Amino acid sequence: MPRNSVAFTREPVDIEALASAVTTVLTPEELAATSVEIRPLDDGAAAQVLVAEQVVLTVLRPRLTPPPAELARVYGAIDVDADARWSTDCFVTWEPEGVIGVRLFEAAAAARGGVTAHLG
């Protein structure tokens, strides 16, 4: 069963943010020894990150962040900056490799000026 997280950012989390996150999270040695692929799915509706041919992260297309009342209703007590225009959902497997996916998503969100909330 996958874990679900959401990022609230000033800029959308896109493939470029994921590629940058890969070079931030993985060391040069890990990158040299491991294949990493970022592939768009369904005409850009999602992007997957594969490490060593294992899917570690699936990121859905960013959408505009809902108004504060809707944020509170849907996500509860998440502290979201007022300038966070974009929200992006992701799914990470419960497999051990999922930890890499979580770290990649957090790094991509931070690079886009935002925070992540892990929902379970």
C-alpha atoms as a PDB file:
ATOM      1  CA  MET A   1       0.000   0.000   0.000  1.00  0.00           C
ATOM      2  CA  PRO A   2       1.472   3.361  -0.932  1.00  0.00           C
ATOM      3  CA  ARG A   3       2.106   6.255   1.418  1.00  0.00           C
ATOM      4  CA  ASN A   4       0.570   9.571   0.466  1.00  0.00           C
ATOM      5  CA  SER A   5       2.145  12.991   0.894  1.00  0.00           C
ATOM      6  CA  VAL A   6       1.330  16.472  -0.339  1.00  0.00           C
ATOM      7  CA  ALA A   7       3.582  19.473  -0.965  1.00  0.00           C
ATOM      8  CA  PHE A   8       2.485  23.095  -0.741  1.00  0.00           C
ATOM      9  CA  THR A   9       4.885  25.252  -2.746  1.00  0.00           C
ATOM     10  CA  ARG A  10       5.374  28.687  -4.329  1.00  0.00           C
ATOM     11  CA  GLU A  11       6.343  27.084  -7.662  1.00  0.00           C
ATOM     12  CA  PRO A  12       4.950  23.811  -9.055  1.00  0.00           C
ATOM     13  CA  VAL A  13       6.805  20.567  -8.368  1.00  0.00           C
ATOM     14  CA  ASP A  14       7.639  19.422 -11.892  1.00  0.00           C
ATOM     15  CA  ILE A  15      10.064  17.069 -13.612  1.00  0.00           C
ATOM     16  CA  GLU A  16      12.857  19.648 -13.378  1.00  0.00           C
ATOM     17  CA  ALA A  17      12.361  19.864  -9.600  1.00  0.00           C
ATOM     18  CA  LEU A  18      12.460  16.068  -9.363  1.00  0.00           C
ATOM     19  CA  ALA A  19      15.663  15.899 -11.426  1.00  0.00           C
ATOM     20  CA  SER A  20      17.275  18.490  -9.174  1.00  0.00           C
ATOM     21  CA  ALA A  21      16.128  16.539  -6.112  1.00  0.00           C
ATOM     22  CA  VAL A  22      17.812  13.396  -7.455  1.00  0.00           C
ATOM     23  CA  THR A  23      21.183  15.161  -7.555  1.00  0.00           C
ATOM     24  CA  THR A  24      20.572  16.595  -4.081  1.00  0.00           C
ATOM     25  CA  VAL A  25      19.499  13.379  -2.367  1.00  0.00           C
ATOM     26  CA  LEU A  26      21.774  10.829  -4.051  1.00  0.00           C
ATOM     27  CA  THR A  27      25.540  11.131  -3.775  1.00  0.00           C
ATOM     28  CA  PRO A  28      27.686  11.241  -6.930  1.00  0.00           C
ATOM     29  CA  GLU A  29      28.825   7.692  -6.128  1.00  0.00           C
ATOM     30  CA  GLU A  30      25.224   6.468  -5.840  1.00  0.00           C
ATOM     31  CA  LEU A  31      24.326   8.197  -9.096  1.00  0.00           C
ATOM     32  CA  ALA A  32      27.275   6.584 -10.865  1.00  0.00           C
ATOM     33  CA  ALA A  33      26.364   3.118  -9.596  1.00  0.00           C
ATOM     34  CA  THR A  34      22.567   3.284  -9.901  1.00  0.00           C
ATOM     35  CA  SER A  35      20.241   3.887 -12.798  1.00  0.00           C
ATOM     36  CA  VAL A  36      17.744   6.695 -12.204  1.00  0.00           C
ATOM     37  CA  GLU A  37      14.863   7.485 -14.540  1.00  0.00           C
ATOM     38  CA  ILE A  38      12.173  10.137 -14.325  1.00  0.00           C
ATOM     39  CA  ARG A  39       9.320   9.437 -16.688  1.00  0.00           C
ATOM     40  CA  PRO A  40       6.119  11.333 -17.402  1.00  0.00           C
ATOM     41  CA  LEU A  41       2.916   9.317 -17.373  1.00  0.00           C
ATOM     42  CA  ASP A  42      -0.450   9.824 -19.046  1.00  0.00           C
ATOM     43  CA  ASP A  43       0.436  12.981 -20.998  1.00  0.00           C
ATOM     44  CA  GLY A  44       1.951  14.655 -17.936  1.00  0.00           C
ATOM     45  CA  ALA A  45      -0.772  13.756 -15.435  1.00  0.00           C
ATOM     46  CA  ALA A  46       1.947  12.210 -13.266  1.00  0.00           C
ATOM     47  CA  ALA A  47       5.669  11.585 -13.139  1.00  0.00           C
ATOM     48  CA  GLN A  48       7.450   8.553 -11.752  1.00  0.00           C
ATOM     49  CA  VAL A  49      10.952   8.322 -10.376  1.00  0.00           C
ATOM     50  CA  LEU A  50      12.617   4.936 -10.764  1.00  0.00           C
ATOM     51  CA  VAL A  51      15.818   4.056  -8.936  1.00  0.00           C
ATOM     52  CA  ALA A  52      17.475   0.793  -9.972  1.00  0.00           C
ATOM     53  CA  GLU A  53      14.374   0.027 -12.067  1.00  0.00           C
ATOM     54  CA  GLN A  54      12.123   0.245  -8.959  1.00  0.00           C
ATOM     55  CA  VAL A  55       9.419   2.914  -8.749  1.00  0.00           C
ATOM     56  CA  VAL A  56      10.195   4.934  -5.619  1.00  0.00           C
ATOM     57  CA  LEU A  57       7.941   7.947  -6.195  1.00  0.00           C
ATOM     58  CA  THR A  58       4.866   8.882  -8.224  1.00  0.00           C
ATOM     59  CA  VAL A  59       4.048  12.594  -8.299  1.00  0.00           C
ATOM     60  CA  LEU A  60       0.704  13.836  -9.605  1.00  0.00           C
ATOM     61  CA  ARG A  61       0.282  17.006 -11.672  1.00  0.00           C
ATOM     62  CA  PRO A  62       0.383  20.105  -9.442  1.00  0.00           C
ATOM     63  CA  ARG A  63      -2.832  22.030  -8.929  1.00  0.00           C
ATOM     64  CA  LEU A  64      -3.688  25.342  -7.300  1.00  0.00           C
ATOM     65  CA  THR A  65      -3.738  25.243  -3.517  1.00  0.00           C
ATOM     66  CA  PRO A  66      -7.279  25.439  -2.147  1.00  0.00           C
ATOM     67  CA  PRO A  67      -8.392  28.383   0.016  1.00  0.00           C
ATOM     68  CA  PRO A  68      -7.455  28.247   3.738  1.00  0.00           C
ATOM     69  CA  ALA A  69     -10.883  26.983   4.863  1.00  0.00           C
ATOM     70  CA  GLU A  70     -10.722  24.089   2.391  1.00  0.00           C
ATOM     71  CA  LEU A  71      -7.117  23.327   3.398  1.00  0.00           C
ATOM     72  CA  ALA A  72      -8.187  23.058   7.035  1.00  0.00           C
ATOM     73  CA  ARG A  73     -11.191  20.891   6.145  1.00  0.00           C
ATOM     74  CA  VAL A  74      -9.251  18.453   3.964  1.00  0.00           C
ATOM     75  CA  TYR A  75      -5.794  18.386   5.563  1.00  0.00           C
ATOM     76  CA  GLY A  76      -6.397  19.458   9.162  1.00  0.00           C
ATOM     77  CA  ALA A  77      -3.747  21.426  11.012  1.00  0.00           C
ATOM     78  CA  ILE A  78      -1.073  21.752   8.321  1.00  0.00           C
ATOM     79  CA  ASP A  79       0.961  24.961   8.457  1.00  0.00           C
ATOM     80  CA  VAL A  80       0.952  26.281   4.873  1.00  0.00           C
ATOM     81  CA  ASP A  81       2.589  29.564   3.882  1.00  0.00           C
ATOM     82  CA  ALA A  82       0.205  32.149   2.462  1.00  0.00           C
ATOM     83  CA  ASP A  83       2.276  32.350  -0.754  1.00  0.00           C
ATOM     84  CA  ALA A  84       2.080  28.590  -1.428  1.00  0.00           C
ATOM     85  CA  ARG A  85       0.084  28.675  -4.664  1.00  0.00           C
ATOM     86  CA  TRP A  86       0.581  25.028  -5.652  1.00  0.00           C
ATOM     87  CA  SER A  87      -0.272  21.703  -4.062  1.00  0.00           C
ATOM     88  CA  THR A  88       1.136  18.445  -5.343  1.00  0.00           C
ATOM     89  CA  ASP A  89       0.220  14.922  -4.226  1.00  0.00           C
ATOM     90  CA  CYS A  90       2.573  11.969  -4.364  1.00  0.00           C
ATOM     91  CA  PHE A  91       2.560   8.269  -3.618  1.00  0.00           C
ATOM     92  CA  VAL A  92       5.474   6.264  -2.264  1.00  0.00           C
ATOM     93  CA  THR A  93       5.539   2.506  -1.722  1.00  0.00           C
ATOM     94  CA  TRP A  94       5.883   0.958   1.734  1.00  0.00           C
ATOM     95  CA  GLU A  95       8.922  -0.935   0.464  1.00  0.00           C
ATOM     96  CA  PRO A  96      12.302   0.155   1.911  1.00  0.00           C
ATOM     97  CA  GLU A  97      13.008   2.032  -1.340  1.00  0.00           C
ATOM     98  CA  GLY A  98      10.076   4.285  -0.508  1.00  0.00           C
ATOM     99  CA  VAL A  99      12.307   6.167   1.925  1.00  0.00           C
ATOM    100  CA  ILE A 100      14.260   7.453  -1.072  1.00  0.00           C
ATOM    101  CA  GLY A 101      10.990   8.590  -2.659  1.00  0.00           C
ATOM    102  CA  VAL A 102      10.022  10.528   0.473  1.00  0.00           C
ATOM    103  CA  ARG A 103      13.430  12.223   0.569  1.00  0.00           C
ATOM    104  CA  LEU A 104      13.181  13.086  -3.136  1.00  0.00           C
ATOM    105  CA  PHE A 105       9.715  14.592  -2.713  1.00  0.00           C
ATOM    106  CA  GLU A 106      10.801  16.641   0.310  1.00  0.00           C
ATOM    107  CA  ALA A 107      13.864  17.938  -1.592  1.00  0.00           C
ATOM    108  CA  ALA A 108      11.776  18.846  -4.653  1.00  0.00           C
ATOM    109  CA  ALA A 109       9.249  20.703  -2.471  1.00  0.00           C
ATOM    110  CA  ALA A 110      11.987  22.580  -0.625  1.00  0.00           C
ATOM    111  CA  ALA A 111      13.576  23.581  -3.946  1.00  0.00           C
ATOM    112  CA  ARG A 112      10.216  25.037  -5.014  1.00  0.00           C
ATOM    113  CA  GLY A 113       9.845  27.031  -1.802  1.00  0.00           C
ATOM    114  CA  GLY A 114       7.484  24.798   0.103  1.00  0.00           C
ATOM    115  CA  VAL A 115       6.791  22.168   2.700  1.00  0.00           C
ATOM    116  CA  THR A 116       5.497  18.618   2.651  1.00  0.00           C
ATOM    117  CA  ALA A 117       2.890  16.930   4.800  1.00  0.00           C
ATOM    118  CA  HIS A 118       2.890  13.149   5.105  1.00  0.00           C
ATOM    119  CA  LEU A 119      -0.637  11.825   5.319  1.00  0.00           C
ATOM    120  CA  GLY A 120      -0.117   8.121   5.848  1.00  0.00           C
END
